[in-house]
């Protein structure tokens, strides 16, 4: 399965509890941190809720 790189580019200050929980679940704890995760429907759903806080790029 494909992998995606997720980088937090905006602060979680002012975000809802649900959005902060999604960031935490994906492994993002601070600004400009990058994680690489498998592209699954669950991850895509989480990204849909925090799209404005992160940058996403596909890797092979």
PDB file of N, CA and C in Angstrom:
ATOM      1  N   UNK A   1       0.834  -1.184   0.000  1.00  0.00           N
ATOM      2  CA  UNK A   1       0.000   0.000   0.000  1.00  0.00           C
ATOM      3  C   UNK A   1       0.881   1.250   0.000  1.00  0.00           C
ATOM      4  N   UNK A   2       0.346   2.332  -0.501  1.00  0.00           N
ATOM      5  CA  UNK A   2       1.093   3.583  -0.604  1.00  0.00           C
ATOM      6  C   UNK A   2       1.271   4.235   0.764  1.00  0.00           C
ATOM      7  N   UNK A   3       2.312   5.025   0.857  1.00  0.00           N
ATOM      8  CA  UNK A   3       2.573   5.786   2.083  1.00  0.00           C
ATOM      9  C   UNK A   3       2.394   7.262   1.778  1.00  0.00           C
ATOM     10  N   UNK A   4       2.060   8.024   2.811  1.00  0.00           N
ATOM     11  CA  UNK A   4       1.951   9.474   2.664  1.00  0.00           C
ATOM     12  C   UNK A   4       2.759  10.141   3.767  1.00  0.00           C
ATOM     13  N   UNK A   5       3.322  11.303   3.441  1.00  0.00           N
ATOM     14  CA  UNK A   5       4.049  12.117   4.405  1.00  0.00           C
ATOM     15  C   UNK A   5       3.120  13.233   4.857  1.00  0.00           C
ATOM     16  N   UNK A   6       3.015  13.393   6.165  1.00  0.00           N
ATOM     17  CA  UNK A   6       2.156  14.427   6.742  1.00  0.00           C
ATOM     18  C   UNK A   6       3.025  15.344   7.578  1.00  0.00           C
ATOM     19  N   UNK A   7       2.939  16.649   7.317  1.00  0.00           N
ATOM     20  CA  UNK A   7       3.703  17.648   8.060  1.00  0.00           C
ATOM     21  C   UNK A   7       2.734  18.657   8.657  1.00  0.00           C
ATOM     22  N   UNK A   8       2.863  18.900   9.954  1.00  0.00           N
ATOM     23  CA  UNK A   8       2.020  19.908  10.600  1.00  0.00           C
ATOM     24  C   UNK A   8       2.600  21.282  10.278  1.00  0.00           C
ATOM     25  N   UNK A   9       1.800  22.146   9.650  1.00  0.00           N
ATOM     26  CA  UNK A   9       2.284  23.462   9.242  1.00  0.00           C
ATOM     27  C   UNK A   9       1.576  24.606   9.964  1.00  0.00           C
ATOM     28  N   UNK A  10       0.486  24.298  10.676  1.00  0.00           N
ATOM     29  CA  UNK A  10      -0.208  25.328  11.437  1.00  0.00           C
ATOM     30  C   UNK A  10      -0.372  24.866  12.878  1.00  0.00           C
ATOM     31  N   UNK A  11      -0.477  25.813  13.768  1.00  0.00           N
ATOM     32  CA  UNK A  11      -0.583  25.519  15.190  1.00  0.00           C
ATOM     33  C   UNK A  11      -1.934  24.896  15.529  1.00  0.00           C
ATOM     34  N   UNK A  12      -1.927  24.054  16.561  1.00  0.00           N
ATOM     35  CA  UNK A  12      -3.181  23.456  17.018  1.00  0.00           C
ATOM     36  C   UNK A  12      -3.915  24.357  18.008  1.00  0.00           C
ATOM     37  N   UNK A  13      -3.336  25.507  18.338  1.00  0.00           N
ATOM     38  CA  UNK A  13      -4.017  26.457  19.216  1.00  0.00           C
ATOM     39  C   UNK A  13      -5.278  26.944  18.492  1.00  0.00           C
ATOM     40  N   UNK A  14      -6.402  26.836  19.150  1.00  0.00           N
ATOM     41  CA  UNK A  14      -7.664  27.245  18.548  1.00  0.00           C
ATOM     42  C   UNK A  14      -8.383  26.115  17.835  1.00  0.00           C
ATOM     43  N   UNK A  15      -7.736  24.965  17.716  1.00  0.00           N
ATOM     44  CA  UNK A  15      -8.372  23.812  17.083  1.00  0.00           C
ATOM     45  C   UNK A  15      -9.313  23.145  18.085  1.00  0.00           C
ATOM     46  N   UNK A  16     -10.270  22.385  17.568  1.00  0.00           N
ATOM     47  CA  UNK A  16     -11.198  21.682  18.451  1.00  0.00           C
ATOM     48  C   UNK A  16     -10.498  20.479  19.079  1.00  0.00           C
ATOM     49  N   UNK A  17     -11.113  19.925  20.117  1.00  0.00           N
ATOM     50  CA  UNK A  17     -10.543  18.745  20.775  1.00  0.00           C
ATOM     51  C   UNK A  17     -10.435  17.582  19.794  1.00  0.00           C
ATOM     52  N   UNK A  18     -11.394  17.466  18.923  1.00  0.00           N
ATOM     53  CA  UNK A  18     -11.393  16.386  17.934  1.00  0.00           C
ATOM     54  C   UNK A  18     -10.210  16.526  16.964  1.00  0.00           C
ATOM     55  N   UNK A  19      -9.940  17.752  16.525  1.00  0.00           N
ATOM     56  CA  UNK A  19      -8.824  17.983  15.609  1.00  0.00           C
ATOM     57  C   UNK A  19      -7.490  17.710  16.301  1.00  0.00           C
ATOM     58  N   UNK A  20      -7.356  18.136  17.548  1.00  0.00           N
ATOM     59  CA  UNK A  20      -6.129  17.893  18.308  1.00  0.00           C
ATOM     60  C   UNK A  20      -5.938  16.393  18.502  1.00  0.00           C
ATOM     61  N   UNK A  21      -7.021  15.665  18.771  1.00  0.00           N
ATOM     62  CA  UNK A  21      -6.938  14.215  18.934  1.00  0.00           C
ATOM     63  C   UNK A  21      -6.498  13.550  17.635  1.00  0.00           C
ATOM     64  N   UNK A  22      -6.973  14.039  16.499  1.00  0.00           N
ATOM     65  CA  UNK A  22      -6.563  13.485  15.206  1.00  0.00           C
ATOM     66  C   UNK A  22      -5.075  13.719  14.961  1.00  0.00           C
ATOM     67  N   UNK A  23      -4.578  14.904  15.286  1.00  0.00           N
ATOM     68  CA  UNK A  23      -3.149  15.179  15.143  1.00  0.00           C
ATOM     69  C   UNK A  23      -2.345  14.202  15.995  1.00  0.00           C
ATOM     70  N   UNK A  24      -2.776  14.013  17.234  1.00  0.00           N
ATOM     71  CA  UNK A  24      -2.075  13.136  18.179  1.00  0.00           C
ATOM     72  C   UNK A  24      -2.080  11.694  17.677  1.00  0.00           C
ATOM     73  N   UNK A  25      -3.223  11.245  17.165  1.00  0.00           N
ATOM     74  CA  UNK A  25      -3.355   9.876  16.666  1.00  0.00           C
ATOM     75  C   UNK A  25      -2.436   9.624  15.482  1.00  0.00           C
ATOM     76  N   UNK A  26      -2.251  10.639  14.649  1.00  0.00           N
ATOM     77  CA  UNK A  26      -1.365  10.502  13.495  1.00  0.00           C
ATOM     78  C   UNK A  26       0.106  10.601  13.892  1.00  0.00           C
ATOM     79  N   UNK A  27       0.386  10.997  15.132  1.00  0.00           N
ATOM     80  CA  UNK A  27       1.761  11.055  15.611  1.00  0.00           C
ATOM     81  C   UNK A  27       2.381  12.430  15.543  1.00  0.00           C
ATOM     82  N   UNK A  28       1.566  13.442  15.299  1.00  0.00           N
ATOM     83  CA  UNK A  28       2.075  14.817  15.210  1.00  0.00           C
ATOM     84  C   UNK A  28       1.946  15.494  16.565  1.00  0.00           C
ATOM     85  N   UNK A  29       3.075  15.935  17.103  1.00  0.00           N
ATOM     86  CA  UNK A  29       3.065  16.554  18.421  1.00  0.00           C
ATOM     87  C   UNK A  29       3.484  18.010  18.384  1.00  0.00           C
ATOM     88  N   UNK A  30       4.215  18.434  17.361  1.00  0.00           N
ATOM     89  CA  UNK A  30       4.673  19.826  17.311  1.00  0.00           C
ATOM     90  C   UNK A  30       4.724  20.322  15.873  1.00  0.00           C
ATOM     91  N   UNK A  31       4.874  21.622  15.747  1.00  0.00           N
ATOM     92  CA  UNK A  31       4.928  22.260  14.436  1.00  0.00           C
ATOM     93  C   UNK A  31       6.113  21.736  13.617  1.00  0.00           C
ATOM     94  N   UNK A  32       5.926  21.628  12.333  1.00  0.00           N
ATOM     95  CA  UNK A  32       6.942  21.235  11.355  1.00  0.00           C
ATOM     96  C   UNK A  32       7.452  19.805  11.560  1.00  0.00           C
ATOM     97  N   UNK A  33       6.739  19.024  12.351  1.00  0.00           N
ATOM     98  CA  UNK A  33       7.090  17.620  12.502  1.00  0.00           C
ATOM     99  C   UNK A  33       6.476  16.853  11.336  1.00  0.00           C
ATOM    100  N   UNK A  34       7.220  15.885  10.809  1.00  0.00           N
ATOM    101  CA  UNK A  34       6.749  15.086   9.686  1.00  0.00           C
ATOM    102  C   UNK A  34       6.681  13.623  10.096  1.00  0.00           C
ATOM    103  N   UNK A  35       5.587  12.970   9.712  1.00  0.00           N
ATOM    104  CA  UNK A  35       5.436  11.542   9.936  1.00  0.00           C
ATOM    105  C   UNK A  35       5.070  10.881   8.615  1.00  0.00           C
ATOM    106  N   UNK A  36       5.391   9.603   8.494  1.00  0.00           N
ATOM    107  CA  UNK A  36       5.051   8.844   7.306  1.00  0.00           C
ATOM    108  C   UNK A  36       4.133   7.703   7.737  1.00  0.00           C
ATOM    109  N   UNK A  37       2.952   7.631   7.135  1.00  0.00           N
ATOM    110  CA  UNK A  37       1.968   6.616   7.510  1.00  0.00           C
ATOM    111  C   UNK A  37       1.420   5.937   6.260  1.00  0.00           C
ATOM    112  N   UNK A  38       0.825   4.764   6.456  1.00  0.00           N
ATOM    113  CA  UNK A  38       0.166   4.055   5.368  1.00  0.00           C
ATOM    114  C   UNK A  38      -1.102   4.804   4.966  1.00  0.00           C
ATOM    115  N   UNK A  39      -1.396   4.801   3.684  1.00  0.00           N
ATOM    116  CA  UNK A  39      -2.598   5.470   3.193  1.00  0.00           C
ATOM    117  C   UNK A  39      -3.765   4.488   3.286  1.00  0.00           C
ATOM    118  N   UNK A  40      -4.597   4.685   4.298  1.00  0.00           N
ATOM    119  CA  UNK A  40      -5.772   3.841   4.508  1.00  0.00           C
ATOM    120  C   UNK A  40      -7.006   4.740   4.564  1.00  0.00           C
ATOM    121  N   UNK A  41      -8.183   4.171   4.425  1.00  0.00           N
ATOM    122  CA  UNK A  41      -9.407   4.987   4.537  1.00  0.00           C
ATOM    123  C   UNK A  41      -9.530   5.691   5.885  1.00  0.00           C
ATOM    124  N   UNK A  42      -9.046   5.048   6.948  1.00  0.00           N
ATOM    125  CA  UNK A  42      -9.117   5.651   8.280  1.00  0.00           C
ATOM    126  C   UNK A  42      -8.248   6.903   8.354  1.00  0.00           C
ATOM    127  N   UNK A  43      -7.035   6.808   7.826  1.00  0.00           N
ATOM    128  CA  UNK A  43      -6.113   7.945   7.838  1.00  0.00           C
ATOM    129  C   UNK A  43      -6.647   9.067   6.955  1.00  0.00           C
ATOM    130  N   UNK A  44      -7.209   8.722   5.809  1.00  0.00           N
ATOM    131  CA  UNK A  44      -7.772   9.742   4.925  1.00  0.00           C
ATOM    132  C   UNK A  44      -8.921  10.480   5.591  1.00  0.00           C
ATOM    133  N   UNK A  45      -9.723   9.773   6.389  1.00  0.00           N
ATOM    134  CA  UNK A  45     -10.815  10.406   7.130  1.00  0.00           C
ATOM    135  C   UNK A  45     -10.298  11.373   8.177  1.00  0.00           C
ATOM    136  N   UNK A  46      -9.223  10.976   8.866  1.00  0.00           N
ATOM    137  CA  UNK A  46      -8.627  11.867   9.863  1.00  0.00           C
ATOM    138  C   UNK A  46      -8.054  13.106   9.194  1.00  0.00           C
ATOM    139  N   UNK A  47      -7.409  12.913   8.049  1.00  0.00           N
ATOM    140  CA  UNK A  47      -6.822  14.049   7.331  1.00  0.00           C
ATOM    141  C   UNK A  47      -7.892  15.020   6.842  1.00  0.00           C
ATOM    142  N   UNK A  48      -9.059  14.502   6.503  1.00  0.00           N
ATOM    143  CA  UNK A  48     -10.143  15.376   6.035  1.00  0.00           C
ATOM    144  C   UNK A  48     -10.548  16.367   7.119  1.00  0.00           C
ATOM    145  N   UNK A  49     -10.420  15.972   8.380  1.00  0.00           N
ATOM    146  CA  UNK A  49     -10.809  16.842   9.498  1.00  0.00           C
ATOM    147  C   UNK A  49      -9.741  17.865   9.866  1.00  0.00           C
ATOM    148  N   UNK A  50      -8.489  17.615   9.457  1.00  0.00           N
ATOM    149  CA  UNK A  50      -7.404  18.521   9.847  1.00  0.00           C
ATOM    150  C   UNK A  50      -6.627  19.028   8.630  1.00  0.00           C
ATOM    151  N   UNK A  51      -7.250  19.009   7.485  1.00  0.00           N
ATOM    152  CA  UNK A  51      -6.592  19.389   6.228  1.00  0.00           C
ATOM    153  C   UNK A  51      -5.983  20.783   6.308  1.00  0.00           C
ATOM    154  N   UNK A  52      -6.604  21.699   7.063  1.00  0.00           N
ATOM    155  CA  UNK A  52      -6.119  23.076   7.156  1.00  0.00           C
ATOM    156  C   UNK A  52      -4.899  23.222   8.072  1.00  0.00           C
ATOM    157  N   UNK A  53      -4.559  22.179   8.825  1.00  0.00           N
ATOM    158  CA  UNK A  53      -3.426  22.233   9.750  1.00  0.00           C
ATOM    159  C   UNK A  53      -2.181  21.526   9.234  1.00  0.00           C
ATOM    160  N   UNK A  54      -2.338  20.724   8.182  1.00  0.00           N
ATOM    161  CA  UNK A  54      -1.243  19.886   7.724  1.00  0.00           C
ATOM    162  C   UNK A  54      -1.006  20.023   6.220  1.00  0.00           C
ATOM    163  N   UNK A  55       0.174  19.564   5.804  1.00  0.00           N
ATOM    164  CA  UNK A  55       0.520  19.423   4.393  1.00  0.00           C
ATOM    165  C   UNK A  55       0.698  17.941   4.133  1.00  0.00           C
ATOM    166  N   UNK A  56       0.148  17.451   3.025  1.00  0.00           N
ATOM    167  CA  UNK A  56       0.204  16.030   2.731  1.00  0.00           C
ATOM    168  C   UNK A  56       0.865  15.826   1.371  1.00  0.00           C
ATOM    169  N   UNK A  57       1.791  14.864   1.308  1.00  0.00           N
ATOM    170  CA  UNK A  57       2.376  14.504   0.027  1.00  0.00           C
ATOM    171  C   UNK A  57       2.521  12.994  -0.044  1.00  0.00           C
ATOM    172  N   UNK A  58       2.243  12.450  -1.229  1.00  0.00           N
ATOM    173  CA  UNK A  58       2.318  10.998  -1.408  1.00  0.00           C
ATOM    174  C   UNK A  58       3.752  10.591  -1.716  1.00  0.00           C
ATOM    175  N   UNK A  59       4.154   9.452  -1.163  1.00  0.00           N
ATOM    176  CA  UNK A  59       5.453   8.877  -1.465  1.00  0.00           C
ATOM    177  C   UNK A  59       5.225   7.496  -2.046  1.00  0.00           C
ATOM    178  N   UNK A  60       6.250   6.937  -2.617  1.00  0.00           N
ATOM    179  CA  UNK A  60       6.087   5.615  -3.227  1.00  0.00           C
ATOM    180  C   UNK A  60       6.585   4.505  -2.353  1.00  0.00           C
TER     181      UNK A  60
END
